Protein backbone atom coordinates (compact mmCIF):
# COMPACT_ATOMS: atom_id res chain seq x y z
CA MET A 1 16.08 -38.19 11.59
CA HIS A 2 13.00 -36.06 11.37
CA LYS A 3 10.19 -37.17 9.11
CA ASN A 4 8.87 -33.70 8.56
CA SER A 5 8.60 -32.88 4.89
CA TYR A 6 9.52 -29.23 5.45
CA ALA A 7 12.92 -30.24 6.81
CA ALA A 8 13.34 -32.75 4.01
CA ALA A 9 12.62 -30.06 1.44
CA VAL A 10 16.03 -28.49 2.01
CA ARG A 11 17.62 -31.57 0.43
CA PRO A 12 17.90 -31.94 -3.39
CA ARG A 13 14.79 -33.24 -5.09
CA ALA A 14 14.63 -36.52 -6.94
CA PRO A 15 15.16 -36.22 -10.72
CA GLY A 16 11.98 -35.57 -12.62
CA LYS A 17 10.14 -34.09 -9.64
CA ALA A 18 8.11 -31.14 -10.85
CA VAL A 19 8.72 -27.91 -8.98
CA PRO A 20 5.92 -25.30 -9.12
CA MET A 21 7.66 -22.04 -9.88
CA CYS A 22 6.91 -18.71 -11.51
CA GLY A 23 9.94 -17.62 -13.50
CA PRO A 24 11.05 -14.00 -13.41
CA GLU A 25 9.92 -13.53 -17.02
CA THR A 26 6.32 -13.82 -15.91
CA MET A 27 6.58 -11.18 -13.24
CA ARG A 28 5.24 -7.70 -13.64
CA GLN A 29 7.69 -4.87 -13.55
CA ILE A 30 7.09 -2.42 -10.74
CA ASP A 31 7.19 1.24 -11.71
CA TYR A 32 7.97 3.45 -8.76
CA GLY A 33 7.47 6.64 -10.77
CA ALA A 34 9.50 9.80 -10.44
CA SER A 35 12.21 10.32 -7.85
CA PRO A 36 10.89 11.31 -4.40
CA PRO A 37 10.95 14.95 -3.39
CA PRO A 38 14.10 16.18 -1.65
CA PRO A 39 14.20 15.51 2.09
CA LEU A 40 13.21 17.98 4.77
CA GLY A 41 16.31 19.70 6.11
CA ALA A 42 19.60 21.03 4.82
CA GLY A 43 19.22 19.30 1.45
CA HIS A 44 15.85 20.88 0.69
CA PRO A 45 16.07 23.79 -1.79
CA HIS A 46 13.74 26.01 0.26
CA VAL A 47 15.05 25.30 3.74
CA ARG A 48 18.28 26.13 5.53
CA ARG A 49 19.55 25.35 9.03
CA THR A 50 20.86 28.12 11.26
CA GLY A 51 22.02 28.35 14.84
CA PRO A 52 23.66 25.78 17.11
CA HIS A 53 20.56 23.56 17.27
CA GLY A 54 19.81 23.45 13.57
CA THR A 55 16.83 25.81 13.50
CA LEU A 56 14.65 25.27 10.43
CA GLN A 57 14.03 28.42 8.41
CA VAL A 58 12.43 28.99 5.03
CA ALA A 59 15.00 30.57 2.72
CA GLY A 60 14.24 34.19 1.83
CA ASP A 61 11.56 34.54 4.51
CA PRO A 62 13.24 35.47 7.83
CA GLY A 63 9.96 36.73 9.28
CA ARG A 64 8.31 33.30 9.42
CA ARG A 65 7.94 31.57 12.76
CA ARG A 66 10.81 29.17 13.37
CA MET A 67 11.21 26.01 15.40
CA SER A 68 14.34 24.12 16.40
CA ARG A 69 14.66 20.35 16.08
CA ARG A 70 14.85 20.16 19.89
CA HIS A 71 11.48 21.93 20.10
CA LEU A 72 9.99 19.83 17.31
CA PHE A 73 10.82 16.52 18.95
CA ARG A 74 8.94 17.45 22.14
CA TYR A 75 5.78 16.63 20.28
CA SER A 76 4.40 13.08 19.97
CA GLY A 77 1.21 11.37 18.90
CA ALA A 78 -1.47 12.71 16.57
CA ALA A 79 -2.22 15.84 18.63
CA GLY A 80 1.46 16.61 19.02
CA ALA A 81 2.08 16.12 15.31
CA ALA A 82 -0.73 18.53 14.47
CA ALA A 83 0.67 21.10 16.90
CA ALA A 84 4.15 20.69 15.47
CA LEU A 85 2.85 21.13 11.93
CA SER A 86 1.12 24.35 12.97
CA LEU A 87 4.48 25.81 14.01
CA LEU A 88 6.26 24.97 10.79
CA PRO A 89 6.23 27.26 7.74
CA ALA A 90 3.44 26.25 5.38
CA GLY A 91 5.69 24.75 2.70
CA VAL A 92 7.77 22.77 5.19
CA ALA A 93 4.64 21.55 7.00
CA ALA A 94 3.07 20.36 3.78
CA HIS A 95 6.25 18.54 2.84
CA ALA A 96 6.57 16.91 6.26
CA GLU A 97 2.94 15.81 6.25
CA THR A 98 3.16 14.40 2.72
CA ARG A 99 6.31 12.43 3.49
CA GLY A 100 4.93 11.11 6.80
CA LEU A 101 7.77 12.65 8.78
CA LEU A 102 5.48 13.43 11.70
CA ALA A 103 3.29 10.33 11.50
CA GLY A 104 1.64 9.09 14.67
CA THR A 105 2.32 5.48 15.71
CA VAL A 106 5.28 3.16 15.16
CA ALA A 107 4.86 -0.53 16.01
CA ASP A 108 7.81 -2.88 16.41
CA LEU A 109 7.18 -6.11 14.47
CA THR A 110 10.42 -7.68 15.69
CA HIS A 111 11.00 -10.36 18.31
CA THR A 112 13.78 -9.87 20.83
CA LEU A 113 16.43 -12.41 19.91
CA GLY A 114 18.25 -14.23 22.70
CA PRO A 115 19.89 -17.61 23.25
CA ASP A 116 16.55 -19.18 24.15
CA PHE A 117 14.61 -17.98 21.12
CA PRO A 118 12.97 -21.00 19.40
CA TYR A 119 14.79 -22.00 16.22
CA PHE A 120 14.30 -24.66 13.55
CA HIS A 121 16.88 -27.10 14.88
CA PRO A 122 16.98 -29.54 11.92
CA THR A 123 18.65 -26.88 9.74
CA MET A 124 20.31 -24.35 12.07
CA ASP A 125 22.22 -23.93 15.32
CA ARG A 126 21.27 -22.24 18.56
CA PRO A 127 22.25 -18.53 18.76
CA LEU A 128 25.35 -17.93 20.87
CA PHE A 129 26.04 -14.80 22.93
CA GLU A 130 29.46 -14.36 24.55
CA ASP A 131 30.47 -11.34 26.60
CA THR A 132 34.03 -10.35 25.74
CA HIS A 133 34.47 -7.08 27.66
CA SER A 134 32.86 -5.41 30.66
CA VAL A 135 32.67 -1.84 31.87
CA ASP A 136 34.23 -2.80 35.22
CA ALA A 137 37.21 -4.62 33.73
CA ASP A 138 37.74 -2.89 30.41
CA GLY A 139 35.91 0.41 30.55
CA PHE A 140 33.36 -0.70 27.94
CA PHE A 141 30.90 -3.53 27.32
CA SER A 142 31.08 -5.73 24.21
CA ARG A 143 30.12 -9.23 23.15
CA ASN A 144 30.45 -11.70 20.31
CA VAL A 145 27.21 -12.96 18.79
CA THR A 146 27.09 -16.07 16.60
CA LEU A 147 23.87 -16.36 14.60
CA GLY A 148 22.57 -18.29 11.66
CA GLU A 149 21.14 -15.99 9.01
CA HIS A 150 17.66 -17.44 9.45
CA VAL A 151 17.14 -17.25 13.22
CA GLY A 152 14.70 -14.88 14.91
CA THR A 153 12.91 -12.17 12.95
CA HIS A 154 14.86 -12.38 9.71
CA ILE A 155 14.80 -11.73 5.99
CA ASP A 156 15.26 -14.21 3.13
CA ALA A 157 16.97 -12.83 0.03
CA PRO A 158 16.47 -14.54 -3.36
CA ALA A 159 19.89 -16.22 -3.00
CA HIS A 160 18.41 -18.29 -0.16
CA TYR A 161 16.73 -20.52 -2.74
CA VAL A 162 18.12 -19.35 -6.09
CA GLU A 163 21.62 -20.18 -7.32
CA GLY A 164 23.10 -16.86 -8.40
CA GLY A 165 20.11 -14.95 -7.01
CA ALA A 166 20.38 -11.53 -5.37
CA THR A 167 22.11 -11.59 -2.00
CA ILE A 168 21.08 -9.46 0.94
CA GLU A 169 23.23 -6.42 0.13
CA GLN A 170 21.82 -6.38 -3.41
CA MET A 171 18.16 -6.00 -2.39
CA PRO A 172 16.69 -2.72 -3.76
CA VAL A 173 16.29 -0.40 -0.79
CA GLU A 174 13.08 1.09 -2.18
CA ASN A 175 11.45 -2.33 -1.77
CA LEU A 176 12.21 -2.34 1.96
CA VAL A 177 9.70 0.47 2.57
CA ALA A 178 6.25 -0.55 1.36
CA PRO A 179 2.51 -0.41 2.01
CA LEU A 180 1.68 -3.06 4.61
CA CYS A 181 -1.26 -5.41 4.08
CA VAL A 182 -2.02 -7.82 6.95
CA VAL A 183 -4.21 -10.83 6.15
CA ARG A 184 -5.51 -12.38 9.37
CA ILE A 185 -6.16 -16.11 9.74
CA ALA A 186 -5.61 -16.45 13.50
CA GLU A 187 -9.02 -17.92 14.30
CA ARG A 188 -8.54 -20.68 11.76
CA ALA A 189 -4.93 -21.32 12.79
CA ALA A 190 -6.00 -21.76 16.42
CA GLU A 191 -8.15 -24.69 15.32
CA ASP A 192 -5.85 -26.03 12.59
CA PRO A 193 -2.09 -25.37 12.88
CA ASP A 194 -1.57 -26.81 9.39
CA THR A 195 -3.82 -24.27 7.68
CA THR A 196 -2.52 -22.03 4.90
CA LEU A 197 -3.23 -18.53 3.66
CA THR A 198 -5.13 -18.98 0.40
CA VAL A 199 -6.24 -16.96 -2.60
CA ARG A 200 -9.71 -17.03 -1.07
CA ASP A 201 -8.32 -15.30 2.04
CA ILE A 202 -6.70 -12.63 -0.13
CA ARG A 203 -9.91 -11.95 -2.04
CA ALA A 204 -11.87 -11.73 1.22
CA TYR A 205 -9.29 -9.23 2.50
CA GLU A 206 -9.67 -7.13 -0.64
CA ARG A 207 -13.46 -7.08 -0.41
CA ARG A 208 -13.10 -5.50 3.02
CA HIS A 209 -10.00 -3.32 2.64
CA GLY A 210 -9.62 -2.71 -1.07
CA ARG A 211 -7.22 -4.10 -3.64
CA ILE A 212 -3.69 -4.87 -2.48
CA PRO A 213 -1.59 -2.09 -4.02
CA GLU A 214 1.29 -2.72 -6.38
CA GLY A 215 4.57 -2.73 -4.50
CA ALA A 216 2.98 -3.85 -1.21
CA PHE A 217 4.34 -6.13 1.50
CA VAL A 218 1.76 -8.78 2.48
CA ALA A 219 1.96 -10.35 5.94
CA MET A 220 0.08 -13.32 7.36
CA ASP A 221 -1.17 -12.84 10.92
CA SER A 222 -1.87 -16.32 12.29
CA GLY A 223 -1.53 -15.38 15.94
CA TRP A 224 1.58 -17.57 16.09
CA SER A 225 3.86 -14.96 17.66
CA ALA A 226 2.04 -15.42 20.98
CA ARG A 227 3.59 -18.89 21.16
CA VAL A 228 7.21 -17.71 21.31
CA ASP A 229 7.39 -17.74 25.11
CA VAL A 230 5.60 -21.08 25.47
CA PRO A 231 8.22 -23.86 25.42
CA GLY A 232 7.88 -25.97 22.29
CA ALA A 233 4.76 -24.18 21.00
CA PHE A 234 6.38 -21.99 18.33
CA ILE A 235 8.25 -24.73 16.45
CA ASN A 236 5.41 -27.08 17.43
CA GLU A 237 7.15 -30.41 16.97
CA GLY A 238 4.99 -33.44 17.63
CA GLU A 239 6.06 -36.63 19.35
CA ASP A 240 6.41 -38.21 15.91
CA GLY A 241 8.99 -35.60 14.87
CA LEU A 242 6.59 -33.74 12.56
CA PHE A 243 6.26 -29.96 12.76
CA HIS A 244 3.06 -27.94 12.51
CA TRP A 245 2.69 -24.20 11.78
CA PRO A 246 0.65 -22.20 9.23
CA GLY A 247 2.04 -20.59 6.10
CA PHE A 248 1.33 -19.31 2.59
CA SER A 249 -0.04 -21.72 0.02
CA GLY A 250 1.79 -21.91 -3.30
CA GLU A 251 -1.33 -20.70 -5.08
CA ALA A 252 -1.52 -17.59 -2.88
CA ALA A 253 2.17 -16.86 -3.47
CA ALA A 254 1.73 -17.13 -7.25
CA PHE A 255 -1.36 -14.93 -7.16
CA LEU A 256 0.42 -12.19 -5.23
CA VAL A 257 3.34 -12.18 -7.65
CA GLU A 258 1.46 -12.48 -10.93
CA GLU A 259 -1.74 -10.60 -10.11
CA ARG A 260 -0.70 -8.07 -7.46
CA SER A 261 3.05 -7.38 -8.06
CA ILE A 262 4.04 -7.25 -4.42
CA VAL A 263 7.64 -6.70 -3.29
CA GLY A 264 7.71 -9.01 -0.28
CA ALA A 265 5.78 -11.32 2.02
CA GLY A 266 6.00 -12.16 5.69
CA VAL A 267 4.71 -14.54 8.34
CA ASP A 268 4.60 -14.67 12.12
CA THR A 269 5.70 -18.32 12.04
CA THR A 270 9.19 -19.73 11.57
CA GLY A 271 8.68 -20.46 7.87
CA LEU A 272 6.72 -18.97 4.98
CA ASP A 273 5.51 -22.40 3.86
CA ALA A 274 3.31 -24.41 6.19
CA ALA A 275 5.39 -27.00 8.05
CA VAL A 276 3.41 -29.90 6.56
CA ALA A 277 3.85 -28.68 2.96
CA GLU A 278 5.23 -31.41 0.72
CA SER A 279 7.57 -28.84 -0.85
CA PRO A 280 8.43 -25.20 -0.10
CA ASP A 281 6.36 -23.89 -3.01
CA ALA A 282 5.89 -20.36 -1.60
CA HIS A 283 9.65 -19.94 -1.25
CA GLN A 284 10.21 -21.36 -4.72
CA ILE A 285 7.70 -18.95 -6.25
CA LEU A 286 8.47 -15.71 -4.42
CA LEU A 287 12.26 -15.77 -4.18
CA PRO A 288 12.99 -16.55 -7.87
CA ALA A 289 10.71 -13.60 -8.71
CA GLY A 290 13.16 -11.30 -6.90
CA LEU A 291 10.98 -10.74 -3.83
CA TYR A 292 12.14 -10.93 -0.23
CA LEU A 293 10.54 -12.75 2.67
CA VAL A 294 10.41 -11.96 6.39
CA GLU A 295 9.78 -14.73 8.91
CA CYS A 296 9.10 -14.70 12.66
CA LEU A 297 7.26 -11.36 12.60
CA ASN A 298 5.81 -10.11 15.87
CA ASN A 299 2.89 -7.91 16.99
CA LEU A 300 0.95 -8.05 13.72
CA HIS A 301 -2.22 -7.86 15.80
CA ALA A 302 -1.19 -4.32 16.83
CA VAL A 303 -1.23 -2.84 13.32
CA PRO A 304 -4.19 -2.15 11.02
CA ALA A 305 -4.97 -4.59 8.24
CA ALA A 306 -4.46 -1.78 5.72
CA GLY A 307 -3.04 1.71 5.72
CA ALA A 308 0.30 1.20 7.49
CA THR A 309 3.79 1.41 5.99
CA VAL A 310 6.37 -1.26 6.75
CA VAL A 311 10.07 -0.47 7.09
CA VAL A 312 12.42 -3.47 6.94
CA GLY A 313 15.85 -2.67 8.37
CA ALA A 314 17.81 -5.32 6.48
CA PRO A 315 21.50 -6.00 7.14
CA LYS A 316 24.08 -5.15 4.49
CA TYR A 317 26.97 -7.57 4.35
CA THR A 318 28.57 -9.36 1.44
CA GLY A 319 26.92 -12.42 -0.02
CA GLY A 320 24.21 -13.03 2.59
CA SER A 321 21.23 -15.30 1.97
CA GLY A 322 19.38 -13.36 4.67
CA GLY A 323 19.88 -12.01 8.14
CA GLN A 324 18.26 -10.56 11.23
CA VAL A 325 16.07 -7.49 10.68
CA ARG A 326 14.32 -4.78 12.69
CA VAL A 327 10.84 -4.42 11.20
CA LEU A 328 8.73 -1.34 11.96
CA ALA A 329 5.17 -0.47 10.96
CA CYS A 330 4.21 3.22 10.79
CA HIS A 331 0.54 4.15 10.89
């Protein structure tokens, strides 16, 4: 039996044990404003598609220079995006630029999940991958994959910790696209694997990068993702059975909910709370507030601390407490 308090925290608490928690009634309501403008393409009131390749053309202005989607997608990077914008009609170009449709860089914040990916073995099983068909034998390739909802880069829905809380298919989709704020504590975590992201870290971040915007997703970059391919280093279990990885402090979680009205939080470790935490306070603050969490993020070092947009590709199946995600950062 493992002595680690993080593993023990999944069991019911003793009667009378106080649980730090911010109830939903204390949370600020997030106002997303008016509906977004109509999308570029066939649904846009001033654009129509013509020809076999879906040429974009401004309605009522056949003399404007036109460009097919095939031509448009030849462009990449900042220079290519600028060149592509120059070929679009002015109204379409402005719309595309405003909506970030031709933005420059996309970073993948997702780990590749395989049977050897490190997992928190006290509470979950190893992922299983079974090939069921092959191209040679059956004409197509297929496999069965058996996964716990909280293995690999994954999302926690409120139902993960809240009886009757929102399940994964009930998460508001507008919350899954958000400004990304990355708070870096890697230097400290390299010296102390039990360190936590604190309110002090958040305030230091804001002094340098500006106030965390309402509706943001805040991620902790502890440098932990570099440990994934080192046997034993990611879960970091000691000889005494105790685990060690950084996480959010309860105070930081409460601050982000009550003072900054974020929509979600993420970590590059296997759990949002530090492994040595006496109780999973960050989970018990953020999830009851209706937020979502993403754990086992990757490549946070490759995105700016501020100015990027995160896109969380969450699964949509009935009654899930979470599930594997593909997380992208656009900047």
